[in-house]
Amino acid sequence: MPKTPKEPKLEHSDFSGEFEDSGVTVLIDIFRPAGTNGDWTLEVISQTEVVTVWEDKFATDLEAWEEFLATAERDGVQSFLDEDEPQLH
């Protein structure tokens, strides 16, 4: 039987999940390779499947969560819905 390449397993932070503000819901995904002490990646996925990815990695999942909150506070959650803007932070 041919072997299929395995997707790398990811460890998802407890901070991952839905976030709603002003009627806008986004999905927060904070993750790193499972079984490592690697840095955390932060992604935000909008209802229209616009994906925003931070180029910088975070030493802790809490730092990633706080960065999301700061961005949402500064720019508003609806800023994650704009498909015309580059979606890298």
N, C-alpha and C. Protein backbone atom coordinates (compact mmCIF):
# COMPACT_ATOMS: atom_id res chain seq x y z
N MET A 1 0.85 -1.18 0.00
CA MET A 1 0.00 0.00 0.00
C MET A 1 0.90 1.24 0.00
N PRO A 2 0.67 2.19 -0.91
CA PRO A 2 1.54 3.37 -0.97
C PRO A 2 1.36 4.26 0.26
N LYS A 3 2.46 4.82 0.70
CA LYS A 3 2.40 5.72 1.84
C LYS A 3 2.00 7.11 1.35
N THR A 4 1.11 7.75 2.08
CA THR A 4 0.76 9.12 1.74
C THR A 4 1.52 10.03 2.70
N PRO A 5 1.99 11.15 2.18
CA PRO A 5 2.71 12.05 3.07
C PRO A 5 1.80 12.54 4.19
N LYS A 6 2.33 12.55 5.39
CA LYS A 6 1.53 12.97 6.53
C LYS A 6 1.58 14.48 6.68
N GLU A 7 0.42 15.03 6.97
CA GLU A 7 0.37 16.45 7.29
C GLU A 7 1.04 16.63 8.66
N PRO A 8 1.82 17.69 8.82
CA PRO A 8 2.41 17.89 10.14
C PRO A 8 1.30 18.13 11.16
N LYS A 9 1.43 17.53 12.31
CA LYS A 9 0.42 17.70 13.34
C LYS A 9 0.66 19.05 14.02
N LEU A 10 -0.44 19.70 14.32
CA LEU A 10 -0.36 21.02 14.94
C LEU A 10 -0.96 20.99 16.33
N GLU A 11 -0.38 21.78 17.19
CA GLU A 11 -0.92 21.99 18.53
C GLU A 11 -1.62 23.35 18.50
N HIS A 12 -2.90 23.35 18.85
CA HIS A 12 -3.67 24.60 18.82
C HIS A 12 -3.80 25.15 20.24
N SER A 13 -3.65 26.44 20.35
CA SER A 13 -3.74 27.12 21.64
C SER A 13 -5.17 27.13 22.16
N ASP A 14 -5.29 27.20 23.49
CA ASP A 14 -6.60 27.37 24.11
C ASP A 14 -7.21 28.73 23.77
N PHE A 15 -6.38 29.66 23.28
CA PHE A 15 -6.88 30.99 22.89
C PHE A 15 -7.53 30.94 21.51
N SER A 16 -7.35 29.86 20.77
CA SER A 16 -7.97 29.74 19.45
C SER A 16 -9.48 29.62 19.60
N GLY A 17 -10.20 30.13 18.60
CA GLY A 17 -11.65 30.00 18.62
C GLY A 17 -12.31 31.21 17.99
N GLU A 18 -13.62 31.29 18.13
CA GLU A 18 -14.36 32.39 17.53
C GLU A 18 -14.26 33.63 18.41
N PHE A 19 -14.24 34.77 17.74
CA PHE A 19 -14.23 36.06 18.42
C PHE A 19 -15.26 36.93 17.73
N GLU A 20 -16.17 37.53 18.52
CA GLU A 20 -17.23 38.33 17.93
C GLU A 20 -17.19 39.74 18.52
N ASP A 21 -17.32 40.73 17.65
CA ASP A 21 -17.37 42.11 18.10
C ASP A 21 -18.17 42.91 17.07
N SER A 22 -19.08 43.71 17.54
CA SER A 22 -19.91 44.57 16.67
C SER A 22 -20.57 43.78 15.55
N GLY A 23 -21.01 42.58 15.84
CA GLY A 23 -21.72 41.77 14.85
C GLY A 23 -20.82 41.08 13.85
N VAL A 24 -19.50 41.21 14.01
CA VAL A 24 -18.54 40.56 13.11
C VAL A 24 -17.88 39.42 13.88
N THR A 25 -17.91 38.22 13.29
CA THR A 25 -17.28 37.06 13.92
C THR A 25 -16.10 36.62 13.07
N VAL A 26 -14.96 36.39 13.72
CA VAL A 26 -13.78 35.86 13.04
C VAL A 26 -13.30 34.64 13.83
N LEU A 27 -12.53 33.82 13.16
CA LEU A 27 -11.96 32.63 13.79
C LEU A 27 -10.47 32.90 14.04
N ILE A 28 -10.06 32.78 15.27
CA ILE A 28 -8.66 32.96 15.64
C ILE A 28 -8.02 31.58 15.70
N ASP A 29 -6.88 31.42 15.02
CA ASP A 29 -6.14 30.16 15.09
C ASP A 29 -4.71 30.48 15.49
N ILE A 30 -4.33 30.01 16.67
CA ILE A 30 -2.97 30.16 17.19
C ILE A 30 -2.41 28.76 17.32
N PHE A 31 -1.32 28.48 16.61
CA PHE A 31 -0.84 27.10 16.56
C PHE A 31 0.67 27.05 16.38
N ARG A 32 1.21 25.85 16.65
CA ARG A 32 2.63 25.55 16.40
C ARG A 32 2.74 24.06 16.12
N PRO A 33 3.88 23.63 15.58
CA PRO A 33 4.05 22.19 15.36
C PRO A 33 3.90 21.42 16.67
N ALA A 34 3.14 20.35 16.66
CA ALA A 34 2.89 19.57 17.87
C ALA A 34 4.19 18.94 18.39
N GLY A 35 4.29 18.85 19.70
CA GLY A 35 5.43 18.20 20.32
C GLY A 35 6.70 19.03 20.30
N THR A 36 6.56 20.33 20.01
CA THR A 36 7.75 21.19 19.99
C THR A 36 7.55 22.34 20.97
N ASN A 37 8.62 23.04 21.21
CA ASN A 37 8.53 24.30 21.94
C ASN A 37 8.72 25.45 20.97
N GLY A 38 8.31 25.23 19.72
CA GLY A 38 8.46 26.24 18.67
C GLY A 38 7.59 27.45 18.91
N ASP A 39 7.84 28.46 18.11
CA ASP A 39 7.05 29.69 18.22
C ASP A 39 5.66 29.47 17.66
N TRP A 40 4.75 30.32 18.10
CA TRP A 40 3.34 30.23 17.73
C TRP A 40 3.04 31.10 16.51
N THR A 41 2.16 30.60 15.65
CA THR A 41 1.68 31.33 14.48
C THR A 41 0.28 31.83 14.78
N LEU A 42 -0.01 33.05 14.33
CA LEU A 42 -1.33 33.64 14.52
C LEU A 42 -1.99 33.85 13.16
N GLU A 43 -3.20 33.30 13.01
CA GLU A 43 -4.02 33.50 11.81
C GLU A 43 -5.41 33.93 12.24
N VAL A 44 -6.02 34.78 11.43
CA VAL A 44 -7.41 35.17 11.64
C VAL A 44 -8.15 34.88 10.34
N ILE A 45 -9.25 34.14 10.45
CA ILE A 45 -10.04 33.78 9.27
C ILE A 45 -11.42 34.43 9.41
N SER A 46 -11.80 35.22 8.40
CA SER A 46 -13.08 35.92 8.45
C SER A 46 -14.21 35.00 7.98
N GLN A 47 -15.44 35.50 8.14
CA GLN A 47 -16.61 34.74 7.68
C GLN A 47 -16.57 34.52 6.18
N THR A 48 -15.89 35.41 5.45
CA THR A 48 -15.80 35.28 4.00
C THR A 48 -14.50 34.58 3.59
N GLU A 49 -13.85 33.96 4.55
CA GLU A 49 -12.64 33.15 4.35
C GLU A 49 -11.44 33.96 3.89
N VAL A 50 -11.41 35.25 4.27
CA VAL A 50 -10.19 36.05 4.11
C VAL A 50 -9.27 35.64 5.25
N VAL A 51 -8.05 35.22 4.93
CA VAL A 51 -7.10 34.75 5.94
C VAL A 51 -6.04 35.83 6.15
N THR A 52 -5.88 36.24 7.39
CA THR A 52 -4.83 37.19 7.77
C THR A 52 -3.80 36.42 8.57
N VAL A 53 -2.53 36.50 8.13
CA VAL A 53 -1.45 35.77 8.79
C VAL A 53 -0.39 36.78 9.24
N TRP A 54 0.03 36.66 10.47
CA TRP A 54 1.13 37.49 10.96
C TRP A 54 2.44 36.87 10.50
N GLU A 55 3.32 37.70 9.93
CA GLU A 55 4.64 37.21 9.50
C GLU A 55 5.49 36.85 10.71
N ASP A 56 5.38 37.65 11.77
CA ASP A 56 6.16 37.39 12.98
C ASP A 56 5.55 36.24 13.75
N LYS A 57 6.41 35.45 14.34
CA LYS A 57 5.96 34.37 15.22
C LYS A 57 6.00 34.88 16.66
N PHE A 58 5.35 34.16 17.54
CA PHE A 58 5.23 34.60 18.94
C PHE A 58 5.81 33.54 19.86
N ALA A 59 6.53 33.99 20.88
CA ALA A 59 7.16 33.06 21.82
C ALA A 59 6.12 32.29 22.63
N THR A 60 4.99 32.95 22.93
CA THR A 60 3.92 32.28 23.68
C THR A 60 2.59 32.50 22.97
N ASP A 61 1.65 31.60 23.25
CA ASP A 61 0.32 31.76 22.66
C ASP A 61 -0.38 32.99 23.24
N LEU A 62 -0.06 33.34 24.48
CA LEU A 62 -0.65 34.54 25.09
C LEU A 62 -0.19 35.80 24.34
N GLU A 63 1.08 35.86 23.96
CA GLU A 63 1.56 37.01 23.18
C GLU A 63 0.81 37.12 21.85
N ALA A 64 0.56 35.98 21.20
CA ALA A 64 -0.19 36.00 19.94
C ALA A 64 -1.61 36.50 20.17
N TRP A 65 -2.26 36.02 21.22
CA TRP A 65 -3.62 36.44 21.55
C TRP A 65 -3.66 37.94 21.84
N GLU A 66 -2.68 38.43 22.62
CA GLU A 66 -2.64 39.86 22.95
C GLU A 66 -2.41 40.71 21.70
N GLU A 67 -1.62 40.21 20.76
CA GLU A 67 -1.40 40.92 19.51
C GLU A 67 -2.70 41.01 18.71
N PHE A 68 -3.45 39.91 18.66
CA PHE A 68 -4.75 39.94 17.99
C PHE A 68 -5.67 40.98 18.64
N LEU A 69 -5.76 40.95 19.97
CA LEU A 69 -6.63 41.89 20.68
C LEU A 69 -6.22 43.34 20.41
N ALA A 70 -4.92 43.61 20.41
CA ALA A 70 -4.42 44.96 20.16
C ALA A 70 -4.78 45.40 18.75
N THR A 71 -4.64 44.50 17.78
CA THR A 71 -4.97 44.83 16.39
C THR A 71 -6.47 45.07 16.25
N ALA A 72 -7.29 44.22 16.87
CA ALA A 72 -8.74 44.37 16.81
C ALA A 72 -9.16 45.69 17.47
N GLU A 73 -8.51 46.05 18.57
CA GLU A 73 -8.82 47.30 19.27
C GLU A 73 -8.43 48.50 18.41
N ARG A 74 -7.26 48.43 17.79
CA ARG A 74 -6.73 49.55 17.00
C ARG A 74 -7.47 49.71 15.67
N ASP A 75 -7.65 48.61 14.94
CA ASP A 75 -8.18 48.67 13.58
C ASP A 75 -9.64 48.24 13.45
N GLY A 76 -10.18 47.60 14.49
CA GLY A 76 -11.54 47.07 14.44
C GLY A 76 -11.55 45.67 13.84
N VAL A 77 -12.45 44.83 14.31
CA VAL A 77 -12.54 43.45 13.81
C VAL A 77 -12.88 43.43 12.33
N GLN A 78 -13.65 44.43 11.87
CA GLN A 78 -14.01 44.46 10.45
C GLN A 78 -12.80 44.65 9.55
N SER A 79 -11.66 45.09 10.11
CA SER A 79 -10.44 45.23 9.28
C SER A 79 -9.99 43.88 8.73
N PHE A 80 -10.40 42.78 9.37
CA PHE A 80 -10.02 41.44 8.91
C PHE A 80 -10.89 40.99 7.73
N LEU A 81 -11.90 41.78 7.37
CA LEU A 81 -12.80 41.40 6.28
C LEU A 81 -12.38 42.00 4.95
N ASP A 82 -11.43 42.92 4.96
CA ASP A 82 -11.08 43.68 3.75
C ASP A 82 -10.17 42.87 2.85
N GLU A 83 -10.71 42.42 1.73
CA GLU A 83 -9.93 41.59 0.81
C GLU A 83 -8.97 42.41 -0.05
N ASP A 84 -9.16 43.73 -0.09
CA ASP A 84 -8.33 44.55 -0.97
C ASP A 84 -6.97 44.88 -0.35
N GLU A 85 -6.90 44.81 0.96
CA GLU A 85 -5.65 45.14 1.65
C GLU A 85 -4.78 43.89 1.71
N PRO A 86 -3.46 44.06 1.68
CA PRO A 86 -2.60 42.89 1.91
C PRO A 86 -2.88 42.34 3.30
N GLN A 87 -2.96 41.06 3.44
CA GLN A 87 -3.38 40.46 4.70
C GLN A 87 -2.22 39.92 5.53
N LEU A 88 -1.09 40.63 5.48
CA LEU A 88 0.03 40.25 6.34
C LEU A 88 0.22 41.32 7.39
N HIS A 89 0.48 40.90 8.61
CA HIS A 89 0.72 41.86 9.71
C HIS A 89 2.11 41.69 10.22
